[in-house]
PDB file of N, CA and C in Angstrom:
ATOM      1  N   MET A   1       0.841  -1.183   0.000  1.00  0.00           N
ATOM      2  CA  MET A   1       0.000   0.000   0.000  1.00  0.00           C
ATOM      3  C   MET A   1       0.875   1.232   0.000  1.00  0.00           C
ATOM      4  N   LYS A   2       0.291   2.313  -0.524  1.00  0.00           N
ATOM      5  CA  LYS A   2       0.977   3.600  -0.591  1.00  0.00           C
ATOM      6  C   LYS A   2       0.102   4.682   0.036  1.00  0.00           C
ATOM      7  N   LEU A   3       0.760   5.670   0.618  1.00  0.00           N
ATOM      8  CA  LEU A   3       0.083   6.859   1.109  1.00  0.00           C
ATOM      9  C   LEU A   3       0.498   8.006   0.212  1.00  0.00           C
ATOM     10  N   ILE A   4      -0.485   8.661  -0.372  1.00  0.00           N
ATOM     11  CA  ILE A   4      -0.239   9.797  -1.254  1.00  0.00           C
ATOM     12  C   ILE A   4      -0.603  11.070  -0.507  1.00  0.00           C
ATOM     13  N   PHE A   5       0.350  11.989  -0.440  1.00  0.00           N
ATOM     14  CA  PHE A   5       0.118  13.334   0.079  1.00  0.00           C
ATOM     15  C   PHE A   5       0.025  14.232  -1.143  1.00  0.00           C
ATOM     16  N   ALA A   6      -1.122  14.826  -1.391  1.00  0.00           N
ATOM     17  CA  ALA A   6      -1.283  15.737  -2.520  1.00  0.00           C
ATOM     18  C   ALA A   6      -1.596  17.128  -1.975  1.00  0.00           C
ATOM     19  N   VAL A   7      -0.653  18.054  -2.133  1.00  0.00           N
ATOM     20  CA  VAL A   7      -0.839  19.426  -1.680  1.00  0.00           C
ATOM     21  C   VAL A   7      -1.383  20.215  -2.869  1.00  0.00           C
ATOM     22  N   VAL A   8      -2.612  20.719  -2.705  1.00  0.00           N
ATOM     23  CA  VAL A   8      -3.369  21.300  -3.800  1.00  0.00           C
ATOM     24  C   VAL A   8      -3.719  22.750  -3.480  1.00  0.00           C
ATOM     25  N   ASN A   9      -3.654  23.616  -4.475  1.00  0.00           N
ATOM     26  CA  ASN A   9      -4.064  25.007  -4.315  1.00  0.00           C
ATOM     27  C   ASN A   9      -5.514  25.061  -3.847  1.00  0.00           C
ATOM     28  N   GLY A  10      -5.817  25.986  -2.959  1.00  0.00           N
ATOM     29  CA  GLY A  10      -7.157  26.111  -2.421  1.00  0.00           C
ATOM     30  C   GLY A  10      -8.232  26.285  -3.481  1.00  0.00           C
ATOM     31  N   ASP A  11      -7.886  26.943  -4.602  1.00  0.00           N
ATOM     32  CA  ASP A  11      -8.852  27.154  -5.675  1.00  0.00           C
ATOM     33  C   ASP A  11      -9.248  25.849  -6.367  1.00  0.00           C
ATOM     34  N   ASP A  12      -8.398  24.831  -6.295  1.00  0.00           N
ATOM     35  CA  ASP A  12      -8.669  23.553  -6.960  1.00  0.00           C
ATOM     36  C   ASP A  12      -9.171  22.485  -5.995  1.00  0.00           C
ATOM     37  N   SER A  13      -9.205  22.790  -4.728  1.00  0.00           N
ATOM     38  CA  SER A  13      -9.510  21.801  -3.699  1.00  0.00           C
ATOM     39  C   SER A  13     -10.856  21.111  -3.889  1.00  0.00           C
ATOM     40  N   ALA A  14     -11.907  21.880  -4.136  1.00  0.00           N
ATOM     41  CA  ALA A  14     -13.242  21.291  -4.271  1.00  0.00           C
ATOM     42  C   ALA A  14     -13.322  20.356  -5.469  1.00  0.00           C
ATOM     43  N   ALA A  15     -12.718  20.755  -6.588  1.00  0.00           N
ATOM     44  CA  ALA A  15     -12.745  19.916  -7.789  1.00  0.00           C
ATOM     45  C   ALA A  15     -11.974  18.622  -7.575  1.00  0.00           C
ATOM     46  N   VAL A  16     -10.838  18.693  -6.895  1.00  0.00           N
ATOM     47  CA  VAL A  16     -10.042  17.495  -6.613  1.00  0.00           C
ATOM     48  C   VAL A  16     -10.814  16.566  -5.678  1.00  0.00           C
ATOM     49  N   SER A  17     -11.395  17.122  -4.631  1.00  0.00           N
ATOM     50  CA  SER A  17     -12.152  16.325  -3.668  1.00  0.00           C
ATOM     51  C   SER A  17     -13.299  15.590  -4.352  1.00  0.00           C
ATOM     52  N   LYS A  18     -14.040  16.296  -5.180  1.00  0.00           N
ATOM     53  CA  LYS A  18     -15.172  15.700  -5.886  1.00  0.00           C
ATOM     54  C   LYS A  18     -14.702  14.606  -6.845  1.00  0.00           C
ATOM     55  N   ALA A  19     -13.620  14.852  -7.585  1.00  0.00           N
ATOM     56  CA  ALA A  19     -13.111  13.872  -8.548  1.00  0.00           C
ATOM     57  C   ALA A  19     -12.568  12.627  -7.856  1.00  0.00           C
ATOM     58  N   LEU A  20     -11.867  12.806  -6.736  1.00  0.00           N
ATOM     59  CA  LEU A  20     -11.363  11.647  -5.999  1.00  0.00           C
ATOM     60  C   LEU A  20     -12.526  10.778  -5.527  1.00  0.00           C
ATOM     61  N   SER A  21     -13.536  11.417  -4.965  1.00  0.00           N
ATOM     62  CA  SER A  21     -14.705  10.686  -4.483  1.00  0.00           C
ATOM     63  C   SER A  21     -15.422   9.972  -5.632  1.00  0.00           C
ATOM     64  N   LYS A  22     -15.602  10.661  -6.735  1.00  0.00           N
ATOM     65  CA  LYS A  22     -16.283  10.088  -7.901  1.00  0.00           C
ATOM     66  C   LYS A  22     -15.553   8.861  -8.435  1.00  0.00           C
ATOM     67  N   ASN A  23     -14.226   8.874  -8.335  1.00  0.00           N
ATOM     68  CA  ASN A  23     -13.416   7.767  -8.835  1.00  0.00           C
ATOM     69  C   ASN A  23     -13.137   6.699  -7.776  1.00  0.00           C
ATOM     70  N   GLY A  24     -13.778   6.802  -6.614  1.00  0.00           N
ATOM     71  CA  GLY A  24     -13.670   5.775  -5.587  1.00  0.00           C
ATOM     72  C   GLY A  24     -12.415   5.823  -4.743  1.00  0.00           C
ATOM     73  N   PHE A  25     -11.808   7.015  -4.615  1.00  0.00           N
ATOM     74  CA  PHE A  25     -10.605   7.163  -3.798  1.00  0.00           C
ATOM     75  C   PHE A  25     -10.934   8.003  -2.569  1.00  0.00           C
ATOM     76  N   PRO A  26     -11.233   7.356  -1.427  1.00  0.00           N
ATOM     77  CA  PRO A  26     -11.503   8.145  -0.220  1.00  0.00           C
ATOM     78  C   PRO A  26     -10.247   8.892   0.212  1.00  0.00           C
ATOM     79  N   ALA A  27     -10.447  10.110   0.699  1.00  0.00           N
ATOM     80  CA  ALA A  27      -9.303  10.940   1.085  1.00  0.00           C
ATOM     81  C   ALA A  27      -9.627  11.709   2.353  1.00  0.00           C
ATOM     82  N   THR A  28      -8.585  12.004   3.107  1.00  0.00           N
ATOM     83  CA  THR A  28      -8.688  12.896   4.255  1.00  0.00           C
ATOM     84  C   THR A  28      -8.149  14.242   3.830  1.00  0.00           C
ATOM     85  N   LYS A  29      -8.888  15.312   4.108  1.00  0.00           N
ATOM     86  CA  LYS A  29      -8.478  16.660   3.731  1.00  0.00           C
ATOM     87  C   LYS A  29      -7.966  17.407   4.956  1.00  0.00           C
ATOM     88  N   LEU A  30      -6.811  18.041   4.800  1.00  0.00           N
ATOM     89  CA  LEU A  30      -6.238  18.873   5.857  1.00  0.00           C
ATOM     90  C   LEU A  30      -5.998  20.274   5.312  1.00  0.00           C
ATOM     91  N   ALA A  31      -6.379  21.299   6.064  1.00  0.00           N
ATOM     92  CA  ALA A  31      -6.073  22.667   5.676  1.00  0.00           C
ATOM     93  C   ALA A  31      -4.583  22.901   5.870  1.00  0.00           C
ATOM     94  N   SER A  32      -3.952  23.543   4.895  1.00  0.00           N
ATOM     95  CA  SER A  32      -2.520  23.839   4.985  1.00  0.00           C
ATOM     96  C   SER A  32      -2.259  25.175   4.314  1.00  0.00           C
ATOM     97  N   ALA A  33      -1.056  25.697   4.487  1.00  0.00           N
ATOM     98  CA  ALA A  33      -0.695  26.977   3.876  1.00  0.00           C
ATOM     99  C   ALA A  33       0.722  26.889   3.340  1.00  0.00           C
ATOM    100  N   GLY A  34       0.938  27.501   2.197  1.00  0.00           N
ATOM    101  CA  GLY A  34       2.273  27.539   1.609  1.00  0.00           C
ATOM    102  C   GLY A  34       3.104  28.626   2.264  1.00  0.00           C
ATOM    103  N   SER A  35       4.400  28.464   2.239  1.00  0.00           N
ATOM    104  CA  SER A  35       5.264  29.449   2.886  1.00  0.00           C
ATOM    105  C   SER A  35       5.583  30.633   1.985  1.00  0.00           C
ATOM    106  N   PHE A  36       5.541  30.461   0.666  1.00  0.00           N
ATOM    107  CA  PHE A  36       5.927  31.543  -0.244  1.00  0.00           C
ATOM    108  C   PHE A  36       4.894  32.667  -0.242  1.00  0.00           C
ATOM    109  N   LEU A  37       3.640  32.335  -0.505  1.00  0.00           N
ATOM    110  CA  LEU A  37       2.586  33.351  -0.558  1.00  0.00           C
ATOM    111  C   LEU A  37       1.666  33.299   0.658  1.00  0.00           C
ATOM    112  N   SER A  38       1.899  32.354   1.554  1.00  0.00           N
ATOM    113  CA  SER A  38       1.029  32.120   2.699  1.00  0.00           C
ATOM    114  C   SER A  38      -0.419  31.913   2.262  1.00  0.00           C
ATOM    115  N   ALA A  39      -0.576  31.344   1.096  1.00  0.00           N
ATOM    116  CA  ALA A  39      -1.911  31.102   0.546  1.00  0.00           C
ATOM    117  C   ALA A  39      -2.454  29.785   1.064  1.00  0.00           C
ATOM    118  N   GLY A  40      -3.765  29.693   1.121  1.00  0.00           N
ATOM    119  CA  GLY A  40      -4.406  28.487   1.602  1.00  0.00           C
ATOM    120  C   GLY A  40      -4.295  27.337   0.609  1.00  0.00           C
ATOM    121  N   ASN A  41      -3.957  26.194   1.120  1.00  0.00           N
ATOM    122  CA  ASN A  41      -3.887  24.958   0.349  1.00  0.00           C
ATOM    123  C   ASN A  41      -4.729  23.911   1.057  1.00  0.00           C
ATOM    124  N   THR A  42      -4.921  22.810   0.372  1.00  0.00           N
ATOM    125  CA  THR A  42      -5.509  21.635   0.996  1.00  0.00           C
ATOM    126  C   THR A  42      -4.553  20.487   0.768  1.00  0.00           C
ATOM    127  N   THR A  43      -4.239  19.741   1.817  1.00  0.00           N
ATOM    128  CA  THR A  43      -3.413  18.544   1.687  1.00  0.00           C
ATOM    129  C   THR A  43      -4.327  17.340   1.808  1.00  0.00           C
ATOM    130  N   PHE A  44      -4.342  16.537   0.745  1.00  0.00           N
ATOM    131  CA  PHE A  44      -5.140  15.320   0.720  1.00  0.00           C
ATOM    132  C   PHE A  44      -4.261  14.142   1.118  1.00  0.00           C
ATOM    133  N   LEU A  45      -4.752  13.285   1.996  1.00  0.00           N
ATOM    134  CA  LEU A  45      -4.087  12.040   2.361  1.00  0.00           C
ATOM    135  C   LEU A  45      -4.922  10.915   1.753  1.00  0.00           C
ATOM    136  N   ILE A  46      -4.303  10.142   0.857  1.00  0.00           N
ATOM    137  CA  ILE A  46      -5.028   9.106   0.132  1.00  0.00           C
ATOM    138  C   ILE A  46      -4.226   7.814   0.233  1.00  0.00           C
ATOM    139  N   CYS A  47      -4.824   6.775   0.766  1.00  0.00           N
ATOM    140  CA  CYS A  47      -4.166   5.481   0.898  1.00  0.00           C
ATOM    141  C   CYS A  47      -4.754   4.530  -0.137  1.00  0.00           C
ATOM    142  N   VAL A  48      -3.887   3.986  -0.999  1.00  0.00           N
ATOM    143  CA  VAL A  48      -4.349   3.100  -2.077  1.00  0.00           C
ATOM    144  C   VAL A  48      -3.371   1.946  -2.278  1.00  0.00           C
ATOM    145  N   GLU A  49      -3.850   0.938  -2.984  1.00  0.00           N
ATOM    146  CA  GLU A  49      -2.974  -0.156  -3.403  1.00  0.00           C
ATOM    147  C   GLU A  49      -1.944   0.387  -4.390  1.00  0.00           C
ATOM    148  N   ASP A  50      -0.786  -0.251  -4.447  1.00  0.00           N
ATOM    149  CA  ASP A  50       0.317   0.219  -5.286  1.00  0.00           C
ATOM    150  C   ASP A  50      -0.106   0.495  -6.725  1.00  0.00           C
ATOM    151  N   GLU A  51      -0.924  -0.394  -7.293  1.00  0.00           N
ATOM    152  CA  GLU A  51      -1.290  -0.265  -8.707  1.00  0.00           C
ATOM    153  C   GLU A  51      -2.261   0.895  -8.974  1.00  0.00           C
ATOM    154  N   LYS A  52      -2.798   1.523  -7.939  1.00  0.00           N
ATOM    155  CA  LYS A  52      -3.743   2.634  -8.098  1.00  0.00           C
ATOM    156  C   LYS A  52      -3.091   4.014  -7.967  1.00  0.00           C
ATOM    157  N   VAL A  53      -1.802   4.052  -7.643  1.00  0.00           N
ATOM    158  CA  VAL A  53      -1.114   5.325  -7.423  1.00  0.00           C
ATOM    159  C   VAL A  53      -1.196   6.218  -8.658  1.00  0.00           C
ATOM    160  N   ASP A  54      -0.899   5.682  -9.822  1.00  0.00           N
ATOM    161  CA  ASP A  54      -0.933   6.495 -11.040  1.00  0.00           C
ATOM    162  C   ASP A  54      -2.336   6.996 -11.348  1.00  0.00           C
ATOM    163  N   ASP A  55      -3.357   6.214 -11.010  1.00  0.00           N
ATOM    164  CA  ASP A  55      -4.740   6.644 -11.222  1.00  0.00           C
ATOM    165  C   ASP A  55      -5.073   7.855 -10.349  1.00  0.00           C
ATOM    166  N   VAL A  56      -4.646   7.801  -9.098  1.00  0.00           N
ATOM    167  CA  VAL A  56      -4.893   8.923  -8.182  1.00  0.00           C
ATOM    168  C   VAL A  56      -4.159  10.170  -8.669  1.00  0.00           C
ATOM    169  N   ILE A  57      -2.905  10.015  -9.025  1.00  0.00           N
ATOM    170  CA  ILE A  57      -2.124  11.163  -9.505  1.00  0.00           C
ATOM    171  C   ILE A  57      -2.756  11.755 -10.761  1.00  0.00           C
ATOM    172  N   SER A  58      -3.276  10.921 -11.629  1.00  0.00           N
ATOM    173  CA  SER A  58      -3.941  11.392 -12.845  1.00  0.00           C
ATOM    174  C   SER A  58      -5.175  12.230 -12.511  1.00  0.00           C
ATOM    175  N   VAL A  59      -5.968  11.785 -11.541  1.00  0.00           N
ATOM    176  CA  VAL A  59      -7.155  12.541 -11.122  1.00  0.00           C
ATOM    177  C   VAL A  59      -6.735  13.904 -10.586  1.00  0.00           C
ATOM    178  N   VAL A  60      -5.728  13.935  -9.735  1.00  0.00           N
ATOM    179  CA  VAL A  60      -5.252  15.196  -9.166  1.00  0.00           C
ATOM    180  C   VAL A  60      -4.729  16.106 -10.275  1.00  0.00           C
ATOM    181  N   GLN A  61      -3.959  15.556 -11.179  1.00  0.00           N
ATOM    182  CA  GLN A  61      -3.371  16.339 -12.269  1.00  0.00           C
ATOM    183  C   GLN A  61      -4.450  16.953 -13.167  1.00  0.00           C
ATOM    184  N   GLN A  62      -5.507  16.210 -13.430  1.00  0.00           N
ATOM    185  CA  GLN A  62      -6.582  16.710 -14.296  1.00  0.00           C
ATOM    186  C   GLN A  62      -7.335  17.888 -13.674  1.00  0.00           C
ATOM    187  N   LYS A  63      -7.388  17.950 -12.358  1.00  0.00           N
ATOM    188  CA  LYS A  63      -8.188  18.968 -11.677  1.00  0.00           C
ATOM    189  C   LYS A  63      -7.392  20.156 -11.145  1.00  0.00           C
ATOM    190  N   CYS A  64      -6.059  20.078 -11.188  1.00  0.00           N
ATOM    191  CA  CYS A  64      -5.218  21.170 -10.682  1.00  0.00           C
ATOM    192  C   CYS A  64      -4.667  21.972 -11.851  1.00  0.00           C
ATOM    193  N   HIS A  65      -4.842  23.277 -11.781  1.00  0.00           N
ATOM    194  CA  HIS A  65      -4.440  24.138 -12.885  1.00  0.00           C
ATOM    195  C   HIS A  65      -3.494  25.228 -12.401  1.00  0.00           C
ATOM    196  N   HIS A  66      -2.491  25.513 -13.228  1.00  0.00           N
ATOM    197  CA  HIS A  66      -1.591  26.631 -12.945  1.00  0.00           C
ATOM    198  C   HIS A  66      -2.282  27.912 -13.381  1.00  0.00           C
ATOM    199  N   ARG A  67      -2.051  28.972 -12.635  1.00  0.00           N
ATOM    200  CA  ARG A  67      -2.610  30.272 -12.979  1.00  0.00           C
ATOM    201  C   ARG A  67      -1.612  31.345 -12.571  1.00  0.00           C
ATOM    202  N   LYS A  68      -1.778  32.528 -13.109  1.00  0.00           N
ATOM    203  CA  LYS A  68      -0.903  33.652 -12.774  1.00  0.00           C
ATOM    204  C   LYS A  68      -1.566  34.495 -11.689  1.00  0.00           C
ATOM    205  N   GLN A  69      -0.718  35.058 -10.811  1.00  0.00           N
ATOM    206  CA  GLN A  69      -1.211  35.906  -9.730  1.00  0.00           C
ATOM    207  C   GLN A  69      -0.192  37.009  -9.515  1.00  0.00           C
ATOM    208  N   PHE A  70      -0.654  38.200  -9.190  1.00  0.00           N
ATOM    209  CA  PHE A  70       0.243  39.313  -8.894  1.00  0.00           C
ATOM    210  C   PHE A  70       0.439  39.426  -7.389  1.00  0.00           C
ATOM    211  N   VAL A  71       1.696  39.593  -6.973  1.00  0.00           N
ATOM    212  CA  VAL A  71       2.038  39.750  -5.557  1.00  0.00           C
ATOM    213  C   VAL A  71       2.971  40.949  -5.407  1.00  0.00           C
ATOM    214  N   PRO A  72       3.039  41.542  -4.221  1.00  0.00           N
ATOM    215  CA  PRO A  72       3.975  42.658  -4.020  1.00  0.00           C
ATOM    216  C   PRO A  72       5.407  42.197  -4.265  1.00  0.00           C
ATOM    217  N   SER A  73       6.212  43.088  -4.826  1.00  0.00           N
ATOM    218  CA  SER A  73       7.613  42.715  -5.069  1.00  0.00           C
ATOM    219  C   SER A  73       8.336  42.571  -3.733  1.00  0.00           C
ATOM    220  N   THR A  74       9.433  41.845  -3.718  1.00  0.00           N
ATOM    221  CA  THR A  74      10.174  41.596  -2.477  1.00  0.00           C
ATOM    222  C   THR A  74      10.829  42.854  -1.933  1.00  0.00           C
ATOM    223  N   ALA A  75      10.981  43.889  -2.748  1.00  0.00           N
ATOM    224  CA  ALA A  75      11.629  45.121  -2.283  1.00  0.00           C
ATOM    225  C   ALA A  75      10.812  45.813  -1.200  1.00  0.00           C
ATOM    226  N   THR A  76       9.463  45.716  -1.285  1.00  0.00           N
ATOM    227  CA  THR A  76       8.642  46.389  -0.282  1.00  0.00           C
ATOM    228  C   THR A  76       7.780  45.428   0.517  1.00  0.00           C
ATOM    229  N   TYR A  77       7.809  44.156   0.166  1.00  0.00           N
ATOM    230  CA  TYR A  77       6.960  43.180   0.851  1.00  0.00           C
ATOM    231  C   TYR A  77       7.356  43.096   2.315  1.00  0.00           C
ATOM    232  N   GLY A  78       6.437  43.409   3.195  1.00  0.00           N
ATOM    233  CA  GLY A  78       6.692  43.331   4.628  1.00  0.00           C
ATOM    234  C   GLY A  78       7.458  44.512   5.192  1.00  0.00           C
ATOM    235  N   SER A  79       7.735  45.504   4.372  1.00  0.00           N
ATOM    236  CA  SER A  79       8.500  46.649   4.839  1.00  0.00           C
ATOM    237  C   SER A  79       7.606  47.624   5.596  1.00  0.00           C
ATOM    238  N   ASN A  80       8.128  48.191   6.676  1.00  0.00           N
ATOM    239  CA  ASN A  80       7.390  49.182   7.447  1.00  0.00           C
ATOM    240  C   ASN A  80       7.820  50.599   7.092  1.00  0.00           C
ATOM    241  N   SER A  81       8.765  50.726   6.195  1.00  0.00           N
ATOM    242  CA  SER A  81       9.308  52.036   5.867  1.00  0.00           C
ATOM    243  C   SER A  81       8.399  52.763   4.888  1.00  0.00           C
ATOM    244  N   ALA A  82       7.956  53.972   5.255  1.00  0.00           N
ATOM    245  CA  ALA A  82       7.117  54.783   4.371  1.00  0.00           C
ATOM    246  C   ALA A  82       7.968  55.557   3.382  1.00  0.00           C
ATOM    247  N   ASN A  83       9.302  55.518   3.537  1.00  0.00           N
ATOM    248  CA  ASN A  83      10.197  56.271   2.660  1.00  0.00           C
ATOM    249  C   ASN A  83      10.482  55.574   1.345  1.00  0.00           C
ATOM    250  N   LEU A  84      10.105  54.297   1.237  1.00  0.00           N
ATOM    251  CA  LEU A  84      10.373  53.564   0.004  1.00  0.00           C
ATOM    252  C   LEU A  84       9.307  53.880  -1.030  1.00  0.00           C
ATOM    253  N   PRO A  85       9.730  54.065  -2.285  1.00  0.00           N
ATOM    254  CA  PRO A  85       8.736  54.314  -3.331  1.00  0.00           C
ATOM    255  C   PRO A  85       7.921  53.040  -3.581  1.00  0.00           C
ATOM    256  N   PRO A  86       6.675  53.193  -3.984  1.00  0.00           N
ATOM    257  CA  PRO A  86       5.874  52.002  -4.268  1.00  0.00           C
ATOM    258  C   PRO A  86       6.471  51.233  -5.436  1.00  0.00           C
ATOM    259  N   SER A  87       6.418  49.938  -5.362  1.00  0.00           N
ATOM    260  CA  SER A  87       6.975  49.120  -6.441  1.00  0.00           C
ATOM    261  C   SER A  87       5.855  48.418  -7.177  1.00  0.00           C
ATOM    262  N   MET A  88       6.185  47.949  -8.342  1.00  0.00           N
ATOM    263  CA  MET A  88       5.208  47.252  -9.170  1.00  0.00           C
ATOM    264  C   MET A  88       5.045  45.822  -8.647  1.00  0.00           C
ATOM    265  N   PRO A  89       3.822  45.306  -8.690  1.00  0.00           N
ATOM    266  CA  PRO A  89       3.627  43.909  -8.306  1.00  0.00           C
ATOM    267  C   PRO A  89       4.336  42.981  -9.292  1.00  0.00           C
ATOM    268  N   VAL A  90       4.650  41.797  -8.826  1.00  0.00           N
ATOM    269  CA  VAL A  90       5.336  40.798  -9.637  1.00  0.00           C
ATOM    270  C   VAL A  90       4.349  39.679  -9.949  1.00  0.00           C
ATOM    271  N   GLU A  91       4.365  39.230 -11.199  1.00  0.00           N
ATOM    272  CA  GLU A  91       3.494  38.129 -11.591  1.00  0.00           C
ATOM    273  C   GLU A  91       4.187  36.800 -11.297  1.00  0.00           C
ATOM    274  N   VAL A  92       3.487  35.909 -10.590  1.00  0.00           N
ATOM    275  CA  VAL A  92       4.029  34.585 -10.269  1.00  0.00           C
ATOM    276  C   VAL A  92       3.033  33.517 -10.704  1.00  0.00           C
ATOM    277  N   SER A  93       3.539  32.328 -10.919  1.00  0.00           N
ATOM    278  CA  SER A  93       2.693  31.193 -11.268  1.00  0.00           C
ATOM    279  C   SER A  93       2.307  30.462  -9.989  1.00  0.00           C
ATOM    280  N   VAL A  94       1.014  30.217  -9.797  1.00  0.00           N
ATOM    281  CA  VAL A  94       0.525  29.478  -8.637  1.00  0.00           C
ATOM    282  C   VAL A  94      -0.349  28.337  -9.124  1.00  0.00           C
ATOM    283  N   GLY A  95      -0.685  27.453  -8.225  1.00  0.00           N
ATOM    284  CA  GLY A  95      -1.572  26.355  -8.573  1.00  0.00           C
ATOM    285  C   GLY A  95      -0.812  25.074  -8.829  1.00  0.00           C
ATOM    286  N   GLY A  96      -1.488  24.152  -9.473  1.00  0.00           N
ATOM    287  CA  GLY A  96      -0.899  22.842  -9.674  1.00  0.00           C
ATOM    288  C   GLY A  96      -0.978  22.059  -8.378  1.00  0.00           C
ATOM    289  N   ALA A  97      -0.162  21.068  -8.254  1.00  0.00           N
ATOM    290  CA  ALA A  97      -0.146  20.239  -7.050  1.00  0.00           C
ATOM    291  C   ALA A  97       1.263  19.721  -6.811  1.00  0.00           C
ATOM    292  N   THR A  98       1.551  19.459  -5.561  1.00  0.00           N
ATOM    293  CA  THR A  98       2.787  18.780  -5.185  1.00  0.00           C
ATOM    294  C   THR A  98       2.365  17.456  -4.566  1.00  0.00           C
ATOM    295  N   VAL A  99       2.913  16.354  -5.093  1.00  0.00           N
ATOM    296  CA  VAL A  99       2.478  15.025  -4.674  1.00  0.00           C
ATOM    297  C   VAL A  99       3.663  14.234  -4.128  1.00  0.00           C
ATOM    298  N   PHE A 100       3.456  13.626  -2.957  1.00  0.00           N
ATOM    299  CA  PHE A 100       4.446  12.749  -2.342  1.00  0.00           C
ATOM    300  C   PHE A 100       3.811  11.365  -2.214  1.00  0.00           C
ATOM    301  N   VAL A 101       4.569  10.331  -2.502  1.00  0.00           N
ATOM    302  CA  VAL A 101       4.079   8.961  -2.370  1.00  0.00           C
ATOM    303  C   VAL A 101       5.029   8.209  -1.445  1.00  0.00           C
ATOM    304  N   THR A 102       4.472   7.599  -0.381  1.00  0.00           N
ATOM    305  CA  THR A 102       5.285   6.860   0.579  1.00  0.00           C
ATOM    306  C   THR A 102       4.714   5.458   0.778  1.00  0.00           C
ATOM    307  N   ASP A 103       5.565   4.565   1.210  1.00  0.00           N
ATOM    308  CA  ASP A 103       5.118   3.212   1.542  1.00  0.00           C
ATOM    309  C   ASP A 103       4.355   3.228   2.865  1.00  0.00           C
ATOM    310  N   ILE A 104       3.387   2.334   2.969  1.00  0.00           N
ATOM    311  CA  ILE A 104       2.615   2.167   4.204  1.00  0.00           C
ATOM    312  C   ILE A 104       2.914   0.787   4.764  1.00  0.00           C
ATOM    313  N   GLU A 105       3.376   0.766   5.984  1.00  0.00           N
ATOM    314  CA  GLU A 105       3.666  -0.507   6.636  1.00  0.00           C
ATOM    315  C   GLU A 105       2.397  -1.176   7.135  1.00  0.00           C
ATOM    316  N   ARG A 106       1.473  -0.343   7.608  1.00  0.00           N
ATOM    317  CA  ARG A 106       0.222  -0.895   8.170  1.00  0.00           C
ATOM    318  C   ARG A 106      -0.892   0.112   7.955  1.00  0.00           C
ATOM    319  N   PHE A 107      -2.075  -0.397   7.610  1.00  0.00           N
ATOM    320  CA  PHE A 107      -3.236   0.451   7.391  1.00  0.00           C
ATOM    321  C   PHE A 107      -4.463  -0.229   7.967  1.00  0.00           C
ATOM    322  N   GLU A 108      -5.196   0.479   8.819  1.00  0.00           N
ATOM    323  CA  GLU A 108      -6.396  -0.086   9.414  1.00  0.00           C
ATOM    324  C   GLU A 108      -7.497   0.966   9.397  1.00  0.00           C
ATOM    325  N   LYS A 109      -8.705   0.534   9.110  1.00  0.00           N
ATOM    326  CA  LYS A 109      -9.881   1.399   9.251  1.00  0.00           C
ATOM    327  C   LYS A 109     -10.616   0.922  10.490  1.00  0.00           C
ATOM    328  N   LEU A 110     -10.673   1.738  11.503  1.00  0.00           N
ATOM    329  CA  LEU A 110     -11.301   1.364  12.771  1.00  0.00           C
ATOM    330  C   LEU A 110     -12.661   2.013  12.925  1.00  0.00           C
TER     331      LEU A 110
END
């Protein structure tokens, strides 16, 4: 058995959850946040047989989309100084998913 950790952008969370359920993959959802933008994410914990790992990853991949977002530039981000001139926001790519797959020694539903 494998445990899949899928860290998904908050905007894609509902679609991923619905698709996993529709395809028969029960998952536990945990609220999480990224460190770069401090944006809300959802981390899905999915336990499946080894041969189903690629199916789960495919479902997640189909429902997670990259998008562009504007954020304050690092020159003034978090600065308390009023003497700095305003800077232009920077466009960054967000979204998609980060997936980790680990072996499971024991799995029980109680």
